[in-house]
Amino acid sequence: MKTMDDDNVMIALTTVAGAEDADRMAATLVGERLAACVNVTAVRSTYRWQGGVEVEEERLLVIKTTRARWPELRRRLPELHEYDVPELVALDVADGLDPYLDWVASSCSVAASDPSPES
């Protein structure tokens, strides 16, 4: 297992209203190297908002990033997001396959070339 440092992989989660917003945000985050990969999936969210209970179809974005890129992701995501109070939470990855974790770290590095996860 790798030690905790700036290359440690984190998983960040957010939701958006629709597929177009999700695709736009995913492309921007990967393009700006704030994420190595963003998975998008359809979800039904039930939540409390402005005194009521809401149920909405949304898209969940599972964002693979690093501890080093987290501060910039945390700053950038609200700029890209349409919600007044966007969800953004991050979870440290405790362990994983070293080649995959290395790929995420390299893909989020602003000085890196573009490695593929298969290499």
PDB file of N, CA and C in Angstrom:
ATOM      1  N   MET A   1       0.840  -1.167   0.000  1.00  0.00           N
ATOM      2  CA  MET A   1       0.000   0.000   0.000  1.00  0.00           C
ATOM      3  C   MET A   1       0.892   1.240   0.000  1.00  0.00           C
ATOM      4  N   LYS A   2       0.456   2.251  -0.713  1.00  0.00           N
ATOM      5  CA  LYS A   2       1.206   3.494  -0.782  1.00  0.00           C
ATOM      6  C   LYS A   2       0.979   4.320   0.470  1.00  0.00           C
ATOM      7  N   THR A   3       1.946   5.175   0.784  1.00  0.00           N
ATOM      8  CA  THR A   3       1.797   6.054   1.936  1.00  0.00           C
ATOM      9  C   THR A   3       0.980   7.287   1.549  1.00  0.00           C
ATOM     10  N   MET A   4       0.454   7.988   2.562  1.00  0.00           N
ATOM     11  CA  MET A   4      -0.335   9.193   2.297  1.00  0.00           C
ATOM     12  C   MET A   4       0.579  10.300   1.788  1.00  0.00           C
ATOM     13  N   ASP A   5       0.309  10.783   0.588  1.00  0.00           N
ATOM     14  CA  ASP A   5       1.010  11.937   0.046  1.00  0.00           C
ATOM     15  C   ASP A   5       0.131  12.559  -1.027  1.00  0.00           C
ATOM     16  N   ASP A   6       0.667  13.529  -1.729  1.00  0.00           N
ATOM     17  CA  ASP A   6      -0.130  14.259  -2.718  1.00  0.00           C
ATOM     18  C   ASP A   6      -0.611  13.397  -3.870  1.00  0.00           C
ATOM     19  N   ASP A   7       0.050  12.245  -4.115  1.00  0.00           N
ATOM     20  CA  ASP A   7      -0.377  11.355  -5.194  1.00  0.00           C
ATOM     21  C   ASP A   7      -1.487  10.408  -4.751  1.00  0.00           C
ATOM     22  N   ASN A   8      -1.866  10.435  -3.473  1.00  0.00           N
ATOM     23  CA  ASN A   8      -2.923   9.534  -3.014  1.00  0.00           C
ATOM     24  C   ASN A   8      -4.215   9.810  -3.765  1.00  0.00           C
ATOM     25  N   VAL A   9      -4.852   8.749  -4.168  1.00  0.00           N
ATOM     26  CA  VAL A   9      -6.087   8.843  -4.941  1.00  0.00           C
ATOM     27  C   VAL A   9      -7.255   9.119  -4.002  1.00  0.00           C
ATOM     28  N   MET A  10      -8.133   9.971  -4.489  1.00  0.00           N
ATOM     29  CA  MET A  10      -9.369  10.294  -3.787  1.00  0.00           C
ATOM     30  C   MET A  10     -10.518  10.093  -4.760  1.00  0.00           C
ATOM     31  N   ILE A  11     -11.675   9.768  -4.221  1.00  0.00           N
ATOM     32  CA  ILE A  11     -12.898   9.689  -5.000  1.00  0.00           C
ATOM     33  C   ILE A  11     -13.782  10.843  -4.544  1.00  0.00           C
ATOM     34  N   ALA A  12     -14.180  11.686  -5.462  1.00  0.00           N
ATOM     35  CA  ALA A  12     -15.089  12.790  -5.161  1.00  0.00           C
ATOM     36  C   ALA A  12     -16.435  12.494  -5.817  1.00  0.00           C
ATOM     37  N   LEU A  13     -17.497  12.897  -5.156  1.00  0.00           N
ATOM     38  CA  LEU A  13     -18.849  12.649  -5.646  1.00  0.00           C
ATOM     39  C   LEU A  13     -19.608  13.957  -5.778  1.00  0.00           C
ATOM     40  N   THR A  14     -20.369  14.078  -6.866  1.00  0.00           N
ATOM     41  CA  THR A  14     -21.292  15.186  -7.043  1.00  0.00           C
ATOM     42  C   THR A  14     -22.456  14.697  -7.885  1.00  0.00           C
ATOM     43  N   THR A  15     -23.562  15.417  -7.834  1.00  0.00           N
ATOM     44  CA  THR A  15     -24.703  15.116  -8.688  1.00  0.00           C
ATOM     45  C   THR A  15     -25.060  16.360  -9.485  1.00  0.00           C
ATOM     46  N   VAL A  16     -25.598  16.126 -10.677  1.00  0.00           N
ATOM     47  CA  VAL A  16     -26.077  17.210 -11.540  1.00  0.00           C
ATOM     48  C   VAL A  16     -27.440  16.818 -12.092  1.00  0.00           C
ATOM     49  N   ALA A  17     -28.121  17.785 -12.674  1.00  0.00           N
ATOM     50  CA  ALA A  17     -29.504  17.573 -13.106  1.00  0.00           C
ATOM     51  C   ALA A  17     -29.641  16.632 -14.305  1.00  0.00           C
ATOM     52  N   GLY A  18     -28.762  16.738 -15.280  1.00  0.00           N
ATOM     53  CA  GLY A  18     -28.980  15.958 -16.490  1.00  0.00           C
ATOM     54  C   GLY A  18     -27.718  15.493 -17.161  1.00  0.00           C
ATOM     55  N   ALA A  19     -27.899  14.704 -18.217  1.00  0.00           N
ATOM     56  CA  ALA A  19     -26.782  14.084 -18.932  1.00  0.00           C
ATOM     57  C   ALA A  19     -25.864  15.120 -19.581  1.00  0.00           C
ATOM     58  N   GLU A  20     -26.438  16.166 -20.163  1.00  0.00           N
ATOM     59  CA  GLU A  20     -25.599  17.183 -20.815  1.00  0.00           C
ATOM     60  C   GLU A  20     -24.699  17.883 -19.806  1.00  0.00           C
ATOM     61  N   ASP A  21     -25.266  18.232 -18.648  1.00  0.00           N
ATOM     62  CA  ASP A  21     -24.463  18.862 -17.593  1.00  0.00           C
ATOM     63  C   ASP A  21     -23.366  17.911 -17.124  1.00  0.00           C
ATOM     64  N   ALA A  22     -23.711  16.647 -16.953  1.00  0.00           N
ATOM     65  CA  ALA A  22     -22.739  15.653 -16.501  1.00  0.00           C
ATOM     66  C   ALA A  22     -21.606  15.501 -17.510  1.00  0.00           C
ATOM     67  N   ASP A  23     -21.950  15.388 -18.786  1.00  0.00           N
ATOM     68  CA  ASP A  23     -20.929  15.227 -19.819  1.00  0.00           C
ATOM     69  C   ASP A  23     -20.022  16.450 -19.904  1.00  0.00           C
ATOM     70  N   ARG A  24     -20.614  17.632 -19.817  1.00  0.00           N
ATOM     71  CA  ARG A  24     -19.836  18.874 -19.867  1.00  0.00           C
ATOM     72  C   ARG A  24     -18.878  18.955 -18.683  1.00  0.00           C
ATOM     73  N   MET A  25     -19.394  18.670 -17.498  1.00  0.00           N
ATOM     74  CA  MET A  25     -18.555  18.761 -16.311  1.00  0.00           C
ATOM     75  C   MET A  25     -17.446  17.703 -16.335  1.00  0.00           C
ATOM     76  N   ALA A  26     -17.774  16.482 -16.712  1.00  0.00           N
ATOM     77  CA  ALA A  26     -16.775  15.410 -16.776  1.00  0.00           C
ATOM     78  C   ALA A  26     -15.661  15.772 -17.751  1.00  0.00           C
ATOM     79  N   ALA A  27     -16.027  16.253 -18.935  1.00  0.00           N
ATOM     80  CA  ALA A  27     -15.018  16.618 -19.934  1.00  0.00           C
ATOM     81  C   ALA A  27     -14.130  17.754 -19.438  1.00  0.00           C
ATOM     82  N   THR A  28     -14.715  18.719 -18.768  1.00  0.00           N
ATOM     83  CA  THR A  28     -13.940  19.844 -18.250  1.00  0.00           C
ATOM     84  C   THR A  28     -12.975  19.382 -17.161  1.00  0.00           C
ATOM     85  N   LEU A  29     -13.449  18.582 -16.226  1.00  0.00           N
ATOM     86  CA  LEU A  29     -12.593  18.132 -15.128  1.00  0.00           C
ATOM     87  C   LEU A  29     -11.430  17.279 -15.623  1.00  0.00           C
ATOM     88  N   VAL A  30     -11.695  16.386 -16.571  1.00  0.00           N
ATOM     89  CA  VAL A  30     -10.619  15.565 -17.134  1.00  0.00           C
ATOM     90  C   VAL A  30      -9.699  16.438 -17.991  1.00  0.00           C
ATOM     91  N   GLY A  31     -10.279  17.321 -18.784  1.00  0.00           N
ATOM     92  CA  GLY A  31      -9.483  18.201 -19.634  1.00  0.00           C
ATOM     93  C   GLY A  31      -8.548  19.098 -18.848  1.00  0.00           C
ATOM     94  N   GLU A  32      -8.983  19.548 -17.683  1.00  0.00           N
ATOM     95  CA  GLU A  32      -8.164  20.415 -16.837  1.00  0.00           C
ATOM     96  C   GLU A  32      -7.271  19.622 -15.876  1.00  0.00           C
ATOM     97  N   ARG A  33      -7.249  18.296 -16.026  1.00  0.00           N
ATOM     98  CA  ARG A  33      -6.453  17.391 -15.188  1.00  0.00           C
ATOM     99  C   ARG A  33      -6.831  17.452 -13.708  1.00  0.00           C
ATOM    100  N   LEU A  34      -8.055  17.862 -13.435  1.00  0.00           N
ATOM    101  CA  LEU A  34      -8.559  17.816 -12.063  1.00  0.00           C
ATOM    102  C   LEU A  34      -9.085  16.425 -11.743  1.00  0.00           C
ATOM    103  N   ALA A  35      -9.262  15.613 -12.768  1.00  0.00           N
ATOM    104  CA  ALA A  35      -9.708  14.228 -12.625  1.00  0.00           C
ATOM    105  C   ALA A  35      -9.015  13.380 -13.679  1.00  0.00           C
ATOM    106  N   ALA A  36      -8.711  12.149 -13.317  1.00  0.00           N
ATOM    107  CA  ALA A  36      -8.185  11.193 -14.292  1.00  0.00           C
ATOM    108  C   ALA A  36      -9.331  10.567 -15.063  1.00  0.00           C
ATOM    109  N   CYS A  37     -10.457  10.423 -14.381  1.00  0.00           N
ATOM    110  CA  CYS A  37     -11.621   9.737 -14.947  1.00  0.00           C
ATOM    111  C   CYS A  37     -12.846  10.196 -14.178  1.00  0.00           C
ATOM    112  N   VAL A  38     -13.972  10.305 -14.882  1.00  0.00           N
ATOM    113  CA  VAL A  38     -15.249  10.614 -14.239  1.00  0.00           C
ATOM    114  C   VAL A  38     -16.275   9.617 -14.768  1.00  0.00           C
ATOM    115  N   ASN A  39     -16.845   8.830 -13.860  1.00  0.00           N
ATOM    116  CA  ASN A  39     -17.935   7.930 -14.228  1.00  0.00           C
ATOM    117  C   ASN A  39     -19.245   8.659 -13.998  1.00  0.00           C
ATOM    118  N   VAL A  40     -20.182   8.468 -14.924  1.00  0.00           N
ATOM    119  CA  VAL A  40     -21.498   9.109 -14.824  1.00  0.00           C
ATOM    120  C   VAL A  40     -22.555   8.018 -14.833  1.00  0.00           C
ATOM    121  N   THR A  41     -23.458   8.086 -13.885  1.00  0.00           N
ATOM    122  CA  THR A  41     -24.536   7.111 -13.810  1.00  0.00           C
ATOM    123  C   THR A  41     -25.833   7.810 -13.424  1.00  0.00           C
ATOM    124  N   ALA A  42     -26.948   7.288 -13.895  1.00  0.00           N
ATOM    125  CA  ALA A  42     -28.253   7.848 -13.544  1.00  0.00           C
ATOM    126  C   ALA A  42     -28.645   7.375 -12.149  1.00  0.00           C
ATOM    127  N   VAL A  43     -29.177   8.297 -11.348  1.00  0.00           N
ATOM    128  CA  VAL A  43     -29.629   7.979  -9.994  1.00  0.00           C
ATOM    129  C   VAL A  43     -30.942   8.706  -9.719  1.00  0.00           C
ATOM    130  N   ARG A  44     -31.681   8.207  -8.765  1.00  0.00           N
ATOM    131  CA  ARG A  44     -32.853   8.912  -8.250  1.00  0.00           C
ATOM    132  C   ARG A  44     -32.473   9.393  -6.859  1.00  0.00           C
ATOM    133  N   SER A  45     -32.547  10.691  -6.659  1.00  0.00           N
ATOM    134  CA  SER A  45     -32.165  11.294  -5.384  1.00  0.00           C
ATOM    135  C   SER A  45     -33.401  11.755  -4.627  1.00  0.00           C
ATOM    136  N   THR A  46     -33.453  11.439  -3.348  1.00  0.00           N
ATOM    137  CA  THR A  46     -34.486  11.926  -2.443  1.00  0.00           C
ATOM    138  C   THR A  46     -33.782  12.769  -1.394  1.00  0.00           C
ATOM    139  N   TYR A  47     -34.191  14.018  -1.268  1.00  0.00           N
ATOM    140  CA  TYR A  47     -33.483  14.928  -0.376  1.00  0.00           C
ATOM    141  C   TYR A  47     -34.421  16.004   0.156  1.00  0.00           C
ATOM    142  N   ARG A  48     -33.999  16.611   1.247  1.00  0.00           N
ATOM    143  CA  ARG A  48     -34.752  17.710   1.836  1.00  0.00           C
ATOM    144  C   ARG A  48     -34.211  19.015   1.266  1.00  0.00           C
ATOM    145  N   TRP A  49     -35.122  19.874   0.794  1.00  0.00           N
ATOM    146  CA  TRP A  49     -34.701  21.160   0.239  1.00  0.00           C
ATOM    147  C   TRP A  49     -35.792  22.185   0.483  1.00  0.00           C
ATOM    148  N   GLN A  50     -35.420  23.290   1.080  1.00  0.00           N
ATOM    149  CA  GLN A  50     -36.313  24.414   1.343  1.00  0.00           C
ATOM    150  C   GLN A  50     -37.618  23.972   2.010  1.00  0.00           C
ATOM    151  N   GLY A  51     -37.467  23.130   3.032  1.00  0.00           N
ATOM    152  CA  GLY A  51     -38.594  22.725   3.851  1.00  0.00           C
ATOM    153  C   GLY A  51     -39.414  21.565   3.329  1.00  0.00           C
ATOM    154  N   GLY A  52     -39.078  21.043   2.166  1.00  0.00           N
ATOM    155  CA  GLY A  52     -39.835  19.922   1.614  1.00  0.00           C
ATOM    156  C   GLY A  52     -38.938  18.768   1.240  1.00  0.00           C
ATOM    157  N   VAL A  53     -39.568  17.654   0.924  1.00  0.00           N
ATOM    158  CA  VAL A  53     -38.840  16.487   0.448  1.00  0.00           C
ATOM    159  C   VAL A  53     -38.992  16.429  -1.069  1.00  0.00           C
ATOM    160  N   GLU A  54     -37.871  16.376  -1.752  1.00  0.00           N
ATOM    161  CA  GLU A  54     -37.834  16.353  -3.216  1.00  0.00           C
ATOM    162  C   GLU A  54     -37.355  14.989  -3.698  1.00  0.00           C
ATOM    163  N   VAL A  55     -37.828  14.573  -4.853  1.00  0.00           N
ATOM    164  CA  VAL A  55     -37.354  13.367  -5.522  1.00  0.00           C
ATOM    165  C   VAL A  55     -37.062  13.759  -6.963  1.00  0.00           C
ATOM    166  N   GLU A  56     -35.832  13.550  -7.396  1.00  0.00           N
ATOM    167  CA  GLU A  56     -35.396  13.968  -8.732  1.00  0.00           C
ATOM    168  C   GLU A  56     -34.524  12.904  -9.377  1.00  0.00           C
ATOM    169  N   GLU A  57     -34.595  12.821 -10.686  1.00  0.00           N
ATOM    170  CA  GLU A  57     -33.635  12.042 -11.462  1.00  0.00           C
ATOM    171  C   GLU A  57     -32.407  12.923 -11.661  1.00  0.00           C
ATOM    172  N   GLU A  58     -31.240  12.400 -11.337  1.00  0.00           N
ATOM    173  CA  GLU A  58     -29.996  13.139 -11.478  1.00  0.00           C
ATOM    174  C   GLU A  58     -28.933  12.241 -12.093  1.00  0.00           C
ATOM    175  N   ARG A  59     -27.776  12.812 -12.320  1.00  0.00           N
ATOM    176  CA  ARG A  59     -26.599  12.063 -12.735  1.00  0.00           C
ATOM    177  C   ARG A  59     -25.569  12.176 -11.623  1.00  0.00           C
ATOM    178  N   LEU A  60     -25.048  11.034 -11.184  1.00  0.00           N
ATOM    179  CA  LEU A  60     -23.999  10.984 -10.178  1.00  0.00           C
ATOM    180  C   LEU A  60     -22.659  10.929 -10.896  1.00  0.00           C
ATOM    181  N   LEU A  61     -21.762  11.825 -10.543  1.00  0.00           N
ATOM    182  CA  LEU A  61     -20.410  11.821 -11.082  1.00  0.00           C
ATOM    183  C   LEU A  61     -19.468  11.271 -10.017  1.00  0.00           C
ATOM    184  N   VAL A  62     -18.738  10.217 -10.385  1.00  0.00           N
ATOM    185  CA  VAL A  62     -17.725   9.613  -9.523  1.00  0.00           C
ATOM    186  C   VAL A  62     -16.386  10.060 -10.104  1.00  0.00           C
ATOM    187  N   ILE A  63     -15.735  10.957  -9.395  1.00  0.00           N
ATOM    188  CA  ILE A  63     -14.562  11.662  -9.896  1.00  0.00           C
ATOM    189  C   ILE A  63     -13.306  11.079  -9.248  1.00  0.00           C
ATOM    190  N   LYS A  64     -12.392  10.558 -10.069  1.00  0.00           N
ATOM    191  CA  LYS A  64     -11.119  10.037  -9.554  1.00  0.00           C
ATOM    192  C   LYS A  64     -10.078  11.141  -9.647  1.00  0.00           C
ATOM    193  N   THR A  65      -9.528  11.536  -8.510  1.00  0.00           N
ATOM    194  CA  THR A  65      -8.566  12.621  -8.458  1.00  0.00           C
ATOM    195  C   THR A  65      -7.466  12.282  -7.455  1.00  0.00           C
ATOM    196  N   THR A  66      -6.634  13.254  -7.147  1.00  0.00           N
ATOM    197  CA  THR A  66      -5.569  13.052  -6.159  1.00  0.00           C
ATOM    198  C   THR A  66      -5.670  14.123  -5.079  1.00  0.00           C
ATOM    199  N   ARG A  67      -5.022  13.836  -3.970  1.00  0.00           N
ATOM    200  CA  ARG A  67      -4.977  14.796  -2.860  1.00  0.00           C
ATOM    201  C   ARG A  67      -4.387  16.130  -3.342  1.00  0.00           C
ATOM    202  N   ALA A  68      -3.389  16.082  -4.209  1.00  0.00           N
ATOM    203  CA  ALA A  68      -2.764  17.310  -4.709  1.00  0.00           C
ATOM    204  C   ALA A  68      -3.740  18.156  -5.525  1.00  0.00           C
ATOM    205  N   ARG A  69      -4.636  17.530  -6.262  1.00  0.00           N
ATOM    206  CA  ARG A  69      -5.567  18.259  -7.127  1.00  0.00           C
ATOM    207  C   ARG A  69      -6.873  18.616  -6.420  1.00  0.00           C
ATOM    208  N   TRP A  70      -7.113  18.028  -5.228  1.00  0.00           N
ATOM    209  CA  TRP A  70      -8.357  18.262  -4.495  1.00  0.00           C
ATOM    210  C   TRP A  70      -8.644  19.743  -4.231  1.00  0.00           C
ATOM    211  N   PRO A  71      -7.694  20.551  -3.747  1.00  0.00           N
ATOM    212  CA  PRO A  71      -8.035  21.954  -3.491  1.00  0.00           C
ATOM    213  C   PRO A  71      -8.533  22.690  -4.740  1.00  0.00           C
ATOM    214  N   GLU A  72      -7.905  22.426  -5.877  1.00  0.00           N
ATOM    215  CA  GLU A  72      -8.339  23.079  -7.116  1.00  0.00           C
ATOM    216  C   GLU A  72      -9.695  22.541  -7.579  1.00  0.00           C
ATOM    217  N   LEU A  73      -9.923  21.233  -7.448  1.00  0.00           N
ATOM    218  CA  LEU A  73     -11.229  20.653  -7.780  1.00  0.00           C
ATOM    219  C   LEU A  73     -12.315  21.258  -6.900  1.00  0.00           C
ATOM    220  N   ARG A  74     -12.019  21.384  -5.627  1.00  0.00           N
ATOM    221  CA  ARG A  74     -12.987  21.953  -4.678  1.00  0.00           C
ATOM    222  C   ARG A  74     -13.317  23.402  -5.025  1.00  0.00           C
ATOM    223  N   ARG A  75     -12.347  24.141  -5.535  1.00  0.00           N
ATOM    224  CA  ARG A  75     -12.583  25.526  -5.955  1.00  0.00           C
ATOM    225  C   ARG A  75     -13.334  25.582  -7.293  1.00  0.00           C
ATOM    226  N   ARG A  76     -12.964  24.707  -8.219  1.00  0.00           N
ATOM    227  CA  ARG A  76     -13.471  24.777  -9.596  1.00  0.00           C
ATOM    228  C   ARG A  76     -14.890  24.246  -9.741  1.00  0.00           C
ATOM    229  N   LEU A  77     -15.227  23.168  -9.052  1.00  0.00           N
ATOM    230  CA  LEU A  77     -16.524  22.525  -9.264  1.00  0.00           C
ATOM    231  C   LEU A  77     -17.705  23.470  -9.065  1.00  0.00           C
ATOM    232  N   PRO A  78     -17.747  24.296  -8.014  1.00  0.00           N
ATOM    233  CA  PRO A  78     -18.890  25.214  -7.894  1.00  0.00           C
ATOM    234  C   PRO A  78     -19.010  26.203  -9.055  1.00  0.00           C
ATOM    235  N   GLU A  79     -17.893  26.538  -9.695  1.00  0.00           N
ATOM    236  CA  GLU A  79     -17.942  27.419 -10.870  1.00  0.00           C
ATOM    237  C   GLU A  79     -18.633  26.737 -12.047  1.00  0.00           C
ATOM    238  N   LEU A  80     -18.479  25.428 -12.150  1.00  0.00           N
ATOM    239  CA  LEU A  80     -19.039  24.658 -13.254  1.00  0.00           C
ATOM    240  C   LEU A  80     -20.470  24.204 -12.992  1.00  0.00           C
ATOM    241  N   HIS A  81     -20.881  24.218 -11.732  1.00  0.00           N
ATOM    242  CA  HIS A  81     -22.126  23.586 -11.301  1.00  0.00           C
ATOM    243  C   HIS A  81     -23.298  24.549 -11.374  1.00  0.00           C
ATOM    244  N   GLU A  82     -24.468  24.019 -11.728  1.00  0.00           N
ATOM    245  CA  GLU A  82     -25.672  24.847 -11.827  1.00  0.00           C
ATOM    246  C   GLU A  82     -26.445  24.948 -10.512  1.00  0.00           C
ATOM    247  N   TYR A  83     -26.202  24.040  -9.572  1.00  0.00           N
ATOM    248  CA  TYR A  83     -26.954  24.045  -8.320  1.00  0.00           C
ATOM    249  C   TYR A  83     -26.483  25.169  -7.394  1.00  0.00           C
ATOM    250  N   ASP A  84     -27.409  25.700  -6.592  1.00  0.00           N
ATOM    251  CA  ASP A  84     -27.067  26.705  -5.588  1.00  0.00           C
ATOM    252  C   ASP A  84     -26.133  26.121  -4.532  1.00  0.00           C
ATOM    253  N   VAL A  85     -26.395  24.887  -4.135  1.00  0.00           N
ATOM    254  CA  VAL A  85     -25.583  24.189  -3.136  1.00  0.00           C
ATOM    255  C   VAL A  85     -25.175  22.840  -3.720  1.00  0.00           C
ATOM    256  N   PRO A  86     -24.103  22.815  -4.522  1.00  0.00           N
ATOM    257  CA  PRO A  86     -23.704  21.543  -5.122  1.00  0.00           C
ATOM    258  C   PRO A  86     -23.133  20.581  -4.092  1.00  0.00           C
ATOM    259  N   GLU A  87     -23.451  19.319  -4.283  1.00  0.00           N
ATOM    260  CA  GLU A  87     -22.817  18.270  -3.488  1.00  0.00           C
ATOM    261  C   GLU A  87     -21.374  18.144  -3.953  1.00  0.00           C
ATOM    262  N   LEU A  88     -20.466  18.083  -3.022  1.00  0.00           N
ATOM    263  CA  LEU A  88     -19.091  17.704  -3.316  1.00  0.00           C
ATOM    264  C   LEU A  88     -18.500  17.142  -2.042  1.00  0.00           C
ATOM    265  N   VAL A  89     -18.282  15.843  -2.049  1.00  0.00           N
ATOM    266  CA  VAL A  89     -17.636  15.166  -0.935  1.00  0.00           C
ATOM    267  C   VAL A  89     -16.497  14.330  -1.504  1.00  0.00           C
ATOM    268  N   ALA A  90     -15.483  14.108  -0.680  1.00  0.00           N
ATOM    269  CA  ALA A  90     -14.331  13.328  -1.129  1.00  0.00           C
ATOM    270  C   ALA A  90     -14.028  12.236  -0.124  1.00  0.00           C
ATOM    271  N   LEU A  91     -13.601  11.116  -0.649  1.00  0.00           N
ATOM    272  CA  LEU A  91     -13.242   9.956   0.154  1.00  0.00           C
ATOM    273  C   LEU A  91     -11.825   9.545  -0.218  1.00  0.00           C
ATOM    274  N   ASP A  92     -10.995   9.313   0.789  1.00  0.00           N
ATOM    275  CA  ASP A  92      -9.655   8.796   0.517  1.00  0.00           C
ATOM    276  C   ASP A  92      -9.753   7.334   0.100  1.00  0.00           C
ATOM    277  N   VAL A  93      -8.973   6.959  -0.891  1.00  0.00           N
ATOM    278  CA  VAL A  93      -8.881   5.561  -1.306  1.00  0.00           C
ATOM    279  C   VAL A  93      -7.841   4.901  -0.403  1.00  0.00           C
ATOM    280  N   ALA A  94      -8.259   3.903   0.353  1.00  0.00           N
ATOM    281  CA  ALA A  94      -7.377   3.245   1.311  1.00  0.00           C
ATOM    282  C   ALA A  94      -6.359   2.339   0.632  1.00  0.00           C
ATOM    283  N   ASP A  95      -6.744   1.723  -0.482  1.00  0.00           N
ATOM    284  CA  ASP A  95      -5.855   0.790  -1.146  1.00  0.00           C
ATOM    285  C   ASP A  95      -6.398   0.551  -2.544  1.00  0.00           C
ATOM    286  N   GLY A  96      -5.584  -0.029  -3.397  1.00  0.00           N
ATOM    287  CA  GLY A  96      -5.993  -0.344  -4.762  1.00  0.00           C
ATOM    288  C   GLY A  96      -4.824  -0.934  -5.519  1.00  0.00           C
ATOM    289  N   LEU A  97      -5.069  -1.273  -6.762  1.00  0.00           N
ATOM    290  CA  LEU A  97      -3.992  -1.801  -7.597  1.00  0.00           C
ATOM    291  C   LEU A  97      -3.008  -0.685  -7.907  1.00  0.00           C
ATOM    292  N   ASP A  98      -1.739  -0.914  -7.601  1.00  0.00           N
ATOM    293  CA  ASP A  98      -0.731   0.119  -7.792  1.00  0.00           C
ATOM    294  C   ASP A  98      -0.706   0.683  -9.214  1.00  0.00           C
ATOM    295  N   PRO A  99      -0.791  -0.145 -10.275  1.00  0.00           N
ATOM    296  CA  PRO A  99      -0.766   0.440 -11.620  1.00  0.00           C
ATOM    297  C   PRO A  99      -1.936   1.412 -11.866  1.00  0.00           C
ATOM    298  N   TYR A 100      -3.115   1.089 -11.333  1.00  0.00           N
ATOM    299  CA  TYR A 100      -4.265   1.983 -11.498  1.00  0.00           C
ATOM    300  C   TYR A 100      -4.059   3.273 -10.700  1.00  0.00           C
ATOM    301  N   LEU A 101      -3.619   3.146  -9.447  1.00  0.00           N
ATOM    302  CA  LEU A 101      -3.393   4.329  -8.620  1.00  0.00           C
ATOM    303  C   LEU A 101      -2.319   5.221  -9.239  1.00  0.00           C
ATOM    304  N   ASP A 102      -1.280   4.609  -9.808  1.00  0.00           N
ATOM    305  CA  ASP A 102      -0.229   5.369 -10.489  1.00  0.00           C
ATOM    306  C   ASP A 102      -0.783   6.085 -11.709  1.00  0.00           C
ATOM    307  N   TRP A 103      -1.683   5.427 -12.457  1.00  0.00           N
ATOM    308  CA  TRP A 103      -2.300   6.049 -13.632  1.00  0.00           C
ATOM    309  C   TRP A 103      -3.126   7.264 -13.231  1.00  0.00           C
ATOM    310  N   VAL A 104      -3.919   7.144 -12.154  1.00  0.00           N
ATOM    311  CA  VAL A 104      -4.707   8.289 -11.695  1.00  0.00           C
ATOM    312  C   VAL A 104      -3.777   9.444 -11.333  1.00  0.00           C
ATOM    313  N   ALA A 105      -2.739   9.147 -10.559  1.00  0.00           N
ATOM    314  CA  ALA A 105      -1.804  10.194 -10.145  1.00  0.00           C
ATOM    315  C   ALA A 105      -1.143  10.853 -11.347  1.00  0.00           C
ATOM    316  N   SER A 106      -0.709  10.056 -12.299  1.00  0.00           N
ATOM    317  CA  SER A 106      -0.062  10.592 -13.490  1.00  0.00           C
ATOM    318  C   SER A 106      -1.038  11.403 -14.343  1.00  0.00           C
ATOM    319  N   SER A 107      -2.263  10.932 -14.467  1.00  0.00           N
ATOM    320  CA  SER A 107      -3.265  11.616 -15.280  1.00  0.00           C
ATOM    321  C   SER A 107      -3.688  12.954 -14.689  1.00  0.00           C
ATOM    322  N   CYS A 108      -3.572  13.098 -13.385  1.00  0.00           N
ATOM    323  CA  CYS A 108      -3.937  14.354 -12.723  1.00  0.00           C
ATOM    324  C   CYS A 108      -2.753  15.304 -12.585  1.00  0.00           C
ATOM    325  N   SER A 109      -1.575  14.838 -12.935  1.00  0.00           N
ATOM    326  CA  SER A 109      -0.386  15.676 -12.829  1.00  0.00           C
ATOM    327  C   SER A 109      -0.356  16.669 -13.980  1.00  0.00           C
ATOM    328  N   VAL A 110      -0.170  17.933 -13.670  1.00  0.00           N
ATOM    329  CA  VAL A 110      -0.146  18.952 -14.722  1.00  0.00           C
ATOM    330  C   VAL A 110       1.104  18.860 -15.581  1.00  0.00           C
ATOM    331  N   ALA A 111       2.122  18.139 -15.124  1.00  0.00           N
ATOM    332  CA  ALA A 111       3.363  18.007 -15.882  1.00  0.00           C
ATOM    333  C   ALA A 111       3.441  16.698 -16.656  1.00  0.00           C
ATOM    334  N   ALA A 112       2.384  15.889 -16.619  1.00  0.00           N
ATOM    335  CA  ALA A 112       2.444  14.542 -17.196  1.00  0.00           C
ATOM    336  C   ALA A 112       2.049  14.528 -18.660  1.00  0.00           C
ATOM    337  N   SER A 113       2.503  13.447 -19.322  1.00  0.00           N
ATOM    338  CA  SER A 113       1.964  13.132 -20.645  1.00  0.00           C
ATOM    339  C   SER A 113       0.652  12.391 -20.412  1.00  0.00           C
ATOM    340  N   ASP A 114       0.051  11.863 -21.433  1.00  0.00           N
ATOM    341  CA  ASP A 114      -1.239  11.186 -21.287  1.00  0.00           C
ATOM    342  C   ASP A 114      -1.072   9.675 -21.302  1.00  0.00           C
ATOM    343  N   PRO A 115      -0.815   9.066 -20.138  1.00  0.00           N
ATOM    344  CA  PRO A 115      -0.713   7.600 -20.099  1.00  0.00           C
ATOM    345  C   PRO A 115      -2.089   6.976 -20.174  1.00  0.00           C
ATOM    346  N   SER A 116      -2.154   5.761 -20.665  1.00  0.00           N
ATOM    347  CA  SER A 116      -3.431   5.071 -20.703  1.00  0.00           C
ATOM    348  C   SER A 116      -3.500   4.083 -19.535  1.00  0.00           C
ATOM    349  N   PRO A 117      -4.716   3.739 -19.091  1.00  0.00           N
ATOM    350  CA  PRO A 117      -4.819   2.814 -17.968  1.00  0.00           C
ATOM    351  C   PRO A 117      -4.365   1.412 -18.334  1.00  0.00           C
ATOM    352  N   GLU A 118      -4.243   1.099 -19.628  1.00  0.00           N
ATOM    353  CA  GLU A 118      -3.847  -0.237 -20.059  1.00  0.00           C
ATOM    354  C   GLU A 118      -2.327  -0.410 -20.017  1.00  0.00           C
ATOM    355  N   SER A 119      -1.568   0.686 -19.971  1.00  0.00           N
ATOM    356  CA  SER A 119      -0.112   0.550 -20.018  1.00  0.00           C
ATOM    357  C   SER A 119       0.483   0.201 -18.690  1.00  0.00           C
TER     358      SER A 119
END
